[in-house]
Every structure is written in structure tokens, then in C-alpha cells.
Amino acid sequence: MSENPQRGSRTLPPSRKRALFAVLLVIDAVVTLFPPLYWSAGADRSAADTLLYFIGGSGFVLASILVLYAIDARHGTHGEVRS
């Protein structure tokens, strides 16, 4: 039997997978940790804009976590302990 039970799935090289994870995590960090950047762009933002920023940012972070989980599970490294 093959190592990967899913047919037609592409495997990512470990270096590319790490790079993808790093890029998504950096984008997530900027979106979640630096809302003052958004606020400094215009002090006259409405409450709806601020709410939209937080909902959109949270949705993006959730989506990226699900993508990272799917990539990790698809390539068979989910749950492995690295030393």
C-alpha cells in the first residue's frame, strides 16, 4: 500500500510546507496583533468599520488555521512529536 491513502493528492516538500506555515502565521499575527495600524489609517472610522475589521480578521485567522490543519493532516504529519 502507498504511504498516502488519498488518491491524487500532492505532497509538499517540508521546506515549502514550513514556508507556507510561516507566511500564514505572520499574516495572522499582523491582522490580530496590530489593529492600531488600521485605526491610525483614519481616526474617523465608524463603529461598523471597526466591527467589520475584527470579524474579518477573526474569520481570516480561523480560515488559515483550518488550511494549516488540512495541509498537516493531508500530508500525514498531524500529531507527530518532533524532538
PDB file of N, CA and C in Angstrom:
ATOM      1  N   MET A   1       0.837  -1.177   0.000  1.00  0.00           N
ATOM      2  CA  MET A   1       0.000   0.000   0.000  1.00  0.00           C
ATOM      3  C   MET A   1       0.880   1.238   0.000  1.00  0.00           C
ATOM      4  N   SER A   2       0.340   2.294  -0.515  1.00  0.00           N
ATOM      5  CA  SER A   2       1.094   3.537  -0.544  1.00  0.00           C
ATOM      6  C   SER A   2       1.023   4.219   0.813  1.00  0.00           C
ATOM      7  N   GLU A   3       1.982   5.122   1.048  1.00  0.00           N
ATOM      8  CA  GLU A   3       2.019   5.833   2.325  1.00  0.00           C
ATOM      9  C   GLU A   3       0.852   6.800   2.468  1.00  0.00           C
ATOM     10  N   ASN A   4       0.454   7.411   1.363  1.00  0.00           N
ATOM     11  CA  ASN A   4      -0.621   8.395   1.404  1.00  0.00           C
ATOM     12  C   ASN A   4      -1.881   7.758   0.828  1.00  0.00           C
ATOM     13  N   PRO A   5      -2.893   7.533   1.667  1.00  0.00           N
ATOM     14  CA  PRO A   5      -4.080   6.833   1.203  1.00  0.00           C
ATOM     15  C   PRO A   5      -4.968   7.654   0.281  1.00  0.00           C
ATOM     16  N   GLN A   6      -4.778   8.964   0.206  1.00  0.00           N
ATOM     17  CA  GLN A   6      -5.623   9.786  -0.640  1.00  0.00           C
ATOM     18  C   GLN A   6      -5.079   9.788  -2.063  1.00  0.00           C
ATOM     19  N   ARG A   7      -5.939   9.517  -3.009  1.00  0.00           N
ATOM     20  CA  ARG A   7      -5.525   9.500  -4.405  1.00  0.00           C
ATOM     21  C   ARG A   7      -5.475  10.905  -4.971  1.00  0.00           C
ATOM     22  N   GLY A   8      -4.479  11.137  -5.791  1.00  0.00           N
ATOM     23  CA  GLY A   8      -4.383  12.406  -6.478  1.00  0.00           C
ATOM     24  C   GLY A   8      -3.945  13.569  -5.604  1.00  0.00           C
ATOM     25  N   SER A   9      -3.489  13.291  -4.391  1.00  0.00           N
ATOM     26  CA  SER A   9      -3.071  14.393  -3.534  1.00  0.00           C
ATOM     27  C   SER A   9      -1.604  14.714  -3.799  1.00  0.00           C
ATOM     28  N   ARG A  10      -1.325  15.989  -3.793  1.00  0.00           N
ATOM     29  CA  ARG A  10       0.046  16.442  -3.987  1.00  0.00           C
ATOM     30  C   ARG A  10       0.730  16.531  -2.643  1.00  0.00           C
ATOM     31  N   THR A  11       1.997  16.221  -2.622  1.00  0.00           N
ATOM     32  CA  THR A  11       2.753  16.371  -1.389  1.00  0.00           C
ATOM     33  C   THR A  11       3.633  17.601  -1.495  1.00  0.00           C
ATOM     34  N   LEU A  12       3.743  18.296  -0.406  1.00  0.00           N
ATOM     35  CA  LEU A  12       4.595  19.475  -0.353  1.00  0.00           C
ATOM     36  C   LEU A  12       5.929  19.090   0.245  1.00  0.00           C
ATOM     37  N   PRO A  13       7.011  19.598  -0.318  1.00  0.00           N
ATOM     38  CA  PRO A  13       8.310  19.374   0.333  1.00  0.00           C
ATOM     39  C   PRO A  13       8.298  20.037   1.712  1.00  0.00           C
ATOM     40  N   PRO A  14       9.009  19.466   2.665  1.00  0.00           N
ATOM     41  CA  PRO A  14       8.998  20.036   4.026  1.00  0.00           C
ATOM     42  C   PRO A  14       9.395  21.509   4.078  1.00  0.00           C
ATOM     43  N   SER A  15      10.345  21.924   3.265  1.00  0.00           N
ATOM     44  CA  SER A  15      10.767  23.327   3.307  1.00  0.00           C
ATOM     45  C   SER A  15       9.657  24.253   2.806  1.00  0.00           C
ATOM     46  N   ARG A  16       8.934  23.826   1.786  1.00  0.00           N
ATOM     47  CA  ARG A  16       7.838  24.647   1.266  1.00  0.00           C
ATOM     48  C   ARG A  16       6.669  24.686   2.252  1.00  0.00           C
ATOM     49  N   LYS A  17       6.428  23.564   2.907  1.00  0.00           N
ATOM     50  CA  LYS A  17       5.365  23.498   3.903  1.00  0.00           C
ATOM     51  C   LYS A  17       5.681  24.440   5.067  1.00  0.00           C
ATOM     52  N   ARG A  18       6.937  24.421   5.548  1.00  0.00           N
ATOM     53  CA  ARG A  18       7.335  25.324   6.630  1.00  0.00           C
ATOM     54  C   ARG A  18       7.204  26.780   6.202  1.00  0.00           C
ATOM     55  N   ALA A  19       7.576  27.085   4.955  1.00  0.00           N
ATOM     56  CA  ALA A  19       7.463  28.456   4.459  1.00  0.00           C
ATOM     57  C   ALA A  19       6.002  28.893   4.399  1.00  0.00           C
ATOM     58  N   LEU A  20       5.120  28.024   3.927  1.00  0.00           N
ATOM     59  CA  LEU A  20       3.690  28.333   3.873  1.00  0.00           C
ATOM     60  C   LEU A  20       3.139  28.576   5.271  1.00  0.00           C
ATOM     61  N   PHE A  21       3.503  27.723   6.209  1.00  0.00           N
ATOM     62  CA  PHE A  21       3.053  27.894   7.586  1.00  0.00           C
ATOM     63  C   PHE A  21       3.546  29.230   8.138  1.00  0.00           C
ATOM     64  N   ALA A  22       4.809  29.554   7.900  1.00  0.00           N
ATOM     65  CA  ALA A  22       5.385  30.793   8.428  1.00  0.00           C
ATOM     66  C   ALA A  22       4.689  32.013   7.853  1.00  0.00           C
ATOM     67  N   VAL A  23       4.430  32.012   6.550  1.00  0.00           N
ATOM     68  CA  VAL A  23       3.775  33.160   5.910  1.00  0.00           C
ATOM     69  C   VAL A  23       2.369  33.355   6.484  1.00  0.00           C
ATOM     70  N   LEU A  24       1.604  32.286   6.576  1.00  0.00           N
ATOM     71  CA  LEU A  24       0.250  32.410   7.118  1.00  0.00           C
ATOM     72  C   LEU A  24       0.252  32.853   8.580  1.00  0.00           C
ATOM     73  N   LEU A  25       1.198  32.351   9.367  1.00  0.00           N
ATOM     74  CA  LEU A  25       1.240  32.737  10.774  1.00  0.00           C
ATOM     75  C   LEU A  25       1.663  34.193  10.943  1.00  0.00           C
ATOM     76  N   VAL A  26       2.563  34.683  10.097  1.00  0.00           N
ATOM     77  CA  VAL A  26       2.957  36.094  10.168  1.00  0.00           C
ATOM     78  C   VAL A  26       1.780  36.990   9.786  1.00  0.00           C
ATOM     79  N   ILE A  27       1.057  36.622   8.725  1.00  0.00           N
ATOM     80  CA  ILE A  27      -0.116  37.403   8.334  1.00  0.00           C
ATOM     81  C   ILE A  27      -1.155  37.395   9.458  1.00  0.00           C
ATOM     82  N   ASP A  28      -1.373  36.235  10.070  1.00  0.00           N
ATOM     83  CA  ASP A  28      -2.311  36.147  11.194  1.00  0.00           C
ATOM     84  C   ASP A  28      -1.874  37.054  12.346  1.00  0.00           C
ATOM     85  N   ALA A  29      -0.584  37.055  12.643  1.00  0.00           N
ATOM     86  CA  ALA A  29      -0.081  37.889  13.740  1.00  0.00           C
ATOM     87  C   ALA A  29      -0.300  39.367  13.447  1.00  0.00           C
ATOM     88  N   VAL A  30      -0.034  39.787  12.222  1.00  0.00           N
ATOM     89  CA  VAL A  30      -0.225  41.196  11.869  1.00  0.00           C
ATOM     90  C   VAL A  30      -1.701  41.568  11.961  1.00  0.00           C
ATOM     91  N   VAL A  31      -2.568  40.711  11.456  1.00  0.00           N
ATOM     92  CA  VAL A  31      -4.009  41.002  11.479  1.00  0.00           C
ATOM     93  C   VAL A  31      -4.533  41.084  12.906  1.00  0.00           C
ATOM     94  N   THR A  32      -4.069  40.181  13.779  1.00  0.00           N
ATOM     95  CA  THR A  32      -4.629  40.136  15.131  1.00  0.00           C
ATOM     96  C   THR A  32      -3.927  41.041  16.136  1.00  0.00           C
ATOM     97  N   LEU A  33      -2.639  41.255  15.968  1.00  0.00           N
ATOM     98  CA  LEU A  33      -1.895  41.985  16.995  1.00  0.00           C
ATOM     99  C   LEU A  33      -1.702  43.464  16.711  1.00  0.00           C
ATOM    100  N   PHE A  34      -2.008  43.901  15.496  1.00  0.00           N
ATOM    101  CA  PHE A  34      -1.751  45.291  15.158  1.00  0.00           C
ATOM    102  C   PHE A  34      -2.983  46.044  14.654  1.00  0.00           C
ATOM    103  N   PRO A  35      -4.130  45.944  15.341  1.00  0.00           N
ATOM    104  CA  PRO A  35      -5.270  46.751  14.903  1.00  0.00           C
ATOM    105  C   PRO A  35      -5.009  48.245  14.984  1.00  0.00           C
ATOM    106  N   PRO A  36      -4.074  48.737  15.821  1.00  0.00           N
ATOM    107  CA  PRO A  36      -3.809  50.175  15.790  1.00  0.00           C
ATOM    108  C   PRO A  36      -3.339  50.668  14.420  1.00  0.00           C
ATOM    109  N   LEU A  37      -2.747  49.796  13.621  1.00  0.00           N
ATOM    110  CA  LEU A  37      -2.373  50.191  12.258  1.00  0.00           C
ATOM    111  C   LEU A  37      -3.623  50.548  11.456  1.00  0.00           C
ATOM    112  N   TYR A  38      -4.677  49.765  11.651  1.00  0.00           N
ATOM    113  CA  TYR A  38      -5.943  50.044  10.967  1.00  0.00           C
ATOM    114  C   TYR A  38      -6.534  51.358  11.472  1.00  0.00           C
ATOM    115  N   TRP A  39      -6.520  51.525  12.791  1.00  0.00           N
ATOM    116  CA  TRP A  39      -7.109  52.726  13.371  1.00  0.00           C
ATOM    117  C   TRP A  39      -6.333  53.975  12.997  1.00  0.00           C
ATOM    118  N   SER A  40      -5.005  53.854  12.856  1.00  0.00           N
ATOM    119  CA  SER A  40      -4.208  55.031  12.522  1.00  0.00           C
ATOM    120  C   SER A  40      -4.417  55.472  11.079  1.00  0.00           C
ATOM    121  N   ALA A  41      -4.931  54.589  10.252  1.00  0.00           N
ATOM    122  CA  ALA A  41      -5.183  54.954   8.851  1.00  0.00           C
ATOM    123  C   ALA A  41      -6.284  55.993   8.741  1.00  0.00           C
ATOM    124  N   GLY A  42      -7.144  56.051   9.704  1.00  0.00           N
ATOM    125  CA  GLY A  42      -8.203  57.050   9.692  1.00  0.00           C
ATOM    126  C   GLY A  42      -8.916  57.081  11.019  1.00  0.00           C
ATOM    127  N   ALA A  43      -8.770  58.170  11.737  1.00  0.00           N
ATOM    128  CA  ALA A  43      -9.350  58.265  13.066  1.00  0.00           C
ATOM    129  C   ALA A  43     -10.873  58.411  13.022  1.00  0.00           C
ATOM    130  N   ASP A  44     -11.406  58.732  11.863  1.00  0.00           N
ATOM    131  CA  ASP A  44     -12.852  58.954  11.779  1.00  0.00           C
ATOM    132  C   ASP A  44     -13.608  57.708  11.307  1.00  0.00           C
ATOM    133  N   ARG A  45     -13.078  56.534  11.604  1.00  0.00           N
ATOM    134  CA  ARG A  45     -13.757  55.288  11.228  1.00  0.00           C
ATOM    135  C   ARG A  45     -14.989  55.085  12.083  1.00  0.00           C
ATOM    136  N   SER A  46     -16.006  54.515  11.488  1.00  0.00           N
ATOM    137  CA  SER A  46     -17.239  54.260  12.240  1.00  0.00           C
ATOM    138  C   SER A  46     -17.114  52.961  13.038  1.00  0.00           C
ATOM    139  N   ALA A  47     -18.061  52.764  13.920  1.00  0.00           N
ATOM    140  CA  ALA A  47     -18.094  51.538  14.721  1.00  0.00           C
ATOM    141  C   ALA A  47     -18.292  50.322  13.823  1.00  0.00           C
ATOM    142  N   ALA A  48     -19.033  50.496  12.745  1.00  0.00           N
ATOM    143  CA  ALA A  48     -19.256  49.383  11.812  1.00  0.00           C
ATOM    144  C   ALA A  48     -17.947  48.970  11.141  1.00  0.00           C
ATOM    145  N   ASP A  49     -17.092  49.939  10.793  1.00  0.00           N
ATOM    146  CA  ASP A  49     -15.790  49.610  10.193  1.00  0.00           C
ATOM    147  C   ASP A  49     -14.923  48.824  11.168  1.00  0.00           C
ATOM    148  N   THR A  50     -14.932  49.251  12.409  1.00  0.00           N
ATOM    149  CA  THR A  50     -14.134  48.564  13.425  1.00  0.00           C
ATOM    150  C   THR A  50     -14.654  47.147  13.641  1.00  0.00           C
ATOM    151  N   LEU A  51     -15.951  46.995  13.734  1.00  0.00           N
ATOM    152  CA  LEU A  51     -16.539  45.670  13.904  1.00  0.00           C
ATOM    153  C   LEU A  51     -16.229  44.779  12.702  1.00  0.00           C
ATOM    154  N   LEU A  52     -16.329  45.340  11.515  1.00  0.00           N
ATOM    155  CA  LEU A  52     -16.013  44.587  10.308  1.00  0.00           C
ATOM    156  C   LEU A  52     -14.552  44.145  10.303  1.00  0.00           C
ATOM    157  N   TYR A  53     -13.651  45.007  10.767  1.00  0.00           N
ATOM    158  CA  TYR A  53     -12.232  44.659  10.845  1.00  0.00           C
ATOM    159  C   TYR A  53     -12.036  43.452  11.762  1.00  0.00           C
ATOM    160  N   PHE A  54     -12.633  43.490  12.944  1.00  0.00           N
ATOM    161  CA  PHE A  54     -12.434  42.390  13.885  1.00  0.00           C
ATOM    162  C   PHE A  54     -13.106  41.107  13.420  1.00  0.00           C
ATOM    163  N   ILE A  55     -14.276  41.183  12.844  1.00  0.00           N
ATOM    164  CA  ILE A  55     -14.935  39.983  12.330  1.00  0.00           C
ATOM    165  C   ILE A  55     -14.166  39.424  11.139  1.00  0.00           C
ATOM    166  N   GLY A  56     -13.755  40.297  10.227  1.00  0.00           N
ATOM    167  CA  GLY A  56     -12.978  39.850   9.070  1.00  0.00           C
ATOM    168  C   GLY A  56     -11.632  39.270   9.465  1.00  0.00           C
ATOM    169  N   GLY A  57     -10.970  39.922  10.409  1.00  0.00           N
ATOM    170  CA  GLY A  57      -9.679  39.423  10.881  1.00  0.00           C
ATOM    171  C   GLY A  57      -9.811  38.077  11.560  1.00  0.00           C
ATOM    172  N   SER A  58     -10.837  37.930  12.381  1.00  0.00           N
ATOM    173  CA  SER A  58     -11.073  36.653  13.053  1.00  0.00           C
ATOM    174  C   SER A  58     -11.405  35.558  12.051  1.00  0.00           C
ATOM    175  N   GLY A  59     -12.201  35.895  11.051  1.00  0.00           N
ATOM    176  CA  GLY A  59     -12.536  34.920  10.009  1.00  0.00           C
ATOM    177  C   GLY A  59     -11.309  34.493   9.224  1.00  0.00           C
ATOM    178  N   PHE A  60     -10.423  35.444   8.932  1.00  0.00           N
ATOM    179  CA  PHE A  60      -9.191  35.110   8.207  1.00  0.00           C
ATOM    180  C   PHE A  60      -8.306  34.194   9.037  1.00  0.00           C
ATOM    181  N   VAL A  61      -8.163  34.491  10.317  1.00  0.00           N
ATOM    182  CA  VAL A  61      -7.335  33.654  11.187  1.00  0.00           C
ATOM    183  C   VAL A  61      -7.930  32.250  11.291  1.00  0.00           C
ATOM    184  N   LEU A  62      -9.243  32.155  11.449  1.00  0.00           N
ATOM    185  CA  LEU A  62      -9.893  30.852  11.511  1.00  0.00           C
ATOM    186  C   LEU A  62      -9.673  30.072  10.216  1.00  0.00           C
ATOM    187  N   ALA A  63      -9.849  30.728   9.086  1.00  0.00           N
ATOM    188  CA  ALA A  63      -9.651  30.064   7.795  1.00  0.00           C
ATOM    189  C   ALA A  63      -8.212  29.585   7.637  1.00  0.00           C
ATOM    190  N   SER A  64      -7.256  30.396   8.044  1.00  0.00           N
ATOM    191  CA  SER A  64      -5.861  29.985   7.891  1.00  0.00           C
ATOM    192  C   SER A  64      -5.524  28.819   8.821  1.00  0.00           C
ATOM    193  N   ILE A  65      -6.092  28.797  10.023  1.00  0.00           N
ATOM    194  CA  ILE A  65      -5.872  27.660  10.922  1.00  0.00           C
ATOM    195  C   ILE A  65      -6.442  26.385  10.310  1.00  0.00           C
ATOM    196  N   LEU A  66      -7.617  26.475   9.716  1.00  0.00           N
ATOM    197  CA  LEU A  66      -8.213  25.299   9.072  1.00  0.00           C
ATOM    198  C   LEU A  66      -7.382  24.836   7.873  1.00  0.00           C
ATOM    199  N   VAL A  67      -6.845  25.777   7.104  1.00  0.00           N
ATOM    200  CA  VAL A  67      -5.981  25.424   5.970  1.00  0.00           C
ATOM    201  C   VAL A  67      -4.715  24.738   6.469  1.00  0.00           C
ATOM    202  N   LEU A  68      -4.086  25.292   7.498  1.00  0.00           N
ATOM    203  CA  LEU A  68      -2.878  24.677   8.046  1.00  0.00           C
ATOM    204  C   LEU A  68      -3.169  23.280   8.578  1.00  0.00           C
ATOM    205  N   TYR A  69      -4.294  23.108   9.251  1.00  0.00           N
ATOM    206  CA  TYR A  69      -4.669  21.792   9.763  1.00  0.00           C
ATOM    207  C   TYR A  69      -4.886  20.810   8.610  1.00  0.00           C
ATOM    208  N   ALA A  70      -5.571  21.262   7.562  1.00  0.00           N
ATOM    209  CA  ALA A  70      -5.837  20.378   6.420  1.00  0.00           C
ATOM    210  C   ALA A  70      -4.545  19.963   5.727  1.00  0.00           C
ATOM    211  N   ILE A  71      -3.628  20.898   5.563  1.00  0.00           N
ATOM    212  CA  ILE A  71      -2.340  20.567   4.940  1.00  0.00           C
ATOM    213  C   ILE A  71      -1.579  19.586   5.812  1.00  0.00           C
ATOM    214  N   ASP A  72      -1.561  19.834   7.108  1.00  0.00           N
ATOM    215  CA  ASP A  72      -0.837  18.966   8.024  1.00  0.00           C
ATOM    216  C   ASP A  72      -1.449  17.571   8.055  1.00  0.00           C
ATOM    217  N   ALA A  73      -2.771  17.489   8.082  1.00  0.00           N
ATOM    218  CA  ALA A  73      -3.445  16.186   8.126  1.00  0.00           C
ATOM    219  C   ALA A  73      -3.290  15.446   6.804  1.00  0.00           C
ATOM    220  N   ARG A  74      -3.339  16.163   5.705  1.00  0.00           N
ATOM    221  CA  ARG A  74      -3.243  15.544   4.382  1.00  0.00           C
ATOM    222  C   ARG A  74      -1.881  14.918   4.149  1.00  0.00           C
ATOM    223  N   HIS A  75      -0.859  15.519   4.682  1.00  0.00           N
ATOM    224  CA  HIS A  75       0.493  15.034   4.440  1.00  0.00           C
ATOM    225  C   HIS A  75       1.000  14.113   5.541  1.00  0.00           C
ATOM    226  N   GLY A  76       0.106  13.718   6.421  1.00  0.00           N
ATOM    227  CA  GLY A  76       0.433  12.671   7.376  1.00  0.00           C
ATOM    228  C   GLY A  76       1.352  13.075   8.511  1.00  0.00           C
ATOM    229  N   THR A  77       1.475  14.358   8.810  1.00  0.00           N
ATOM    230  CA  THR A  77       2.350  14.754   9.906  1.00  0.00           C
ATOM    231  C   THR A  77       1.563  15.219  11.107  1.00  0.00           C
ATOM    232  N   HIS A  78       0.248  15.121  11.047  1.00  0.00           N
ATOM    233  CA  HIS A  78      -0.584  15.577  12.159  1.00  0.00           C
ATOM    234  C   HIS A  78      -0.362  14.665  13.368  1.00  0.00           C
ATOM    235  N   GLY A  79      -0.053  15.261  14.483  1.00  0.00           N
ATOM    236  CA  GLY A  79       0.095  14.502  15.714  1.00  0.00           C
ATOM    237  C   GLY A  79       1.468  13.940  15.966  1.00  0.00           C
ATOM    238  N   GLU A  80       2.408  14.143  15.054  1.00  0.00           N
ATOM    239  CA  GLU A  80       3.766  13.648  15.280  1.00  0.00           C
ATOM    240  C   GLU A  80       4.482  14.552  16.263  1.00  0.00           C
ATOM    241  N   VAL A  81       5.309  13.936  17.084  1.00  0.00           N
ATOM    242  CA  VAL A  81       6.101  14.692  18.034  1.00  0.00           C
ATOM    243  C   VAL A  81       7.512  14.777  17.489  1.00  0.00           C
ATOM    244  N   ARG A  82       7.996  15.993  17.397  1.00  0.00           N
ATOM    245  CA  ARG A  82       9.358  16.200  16.904  1.00  0.00           C
ATOM    246  C   ARG A  82      10.260  16.485  18.080  1.00  0.00           C
ATOM    247  N   SER A  83      11.443  15.916  18.028  1.00  0.00           N
ATOM    248  CA  SER A  83      12.393  16.168  19.120  1.00  0.00           C
ATOM    249  C   SER A  83      13.542  17.020  18.674  1.00  0.00           C
TER     250      SER A  83
END
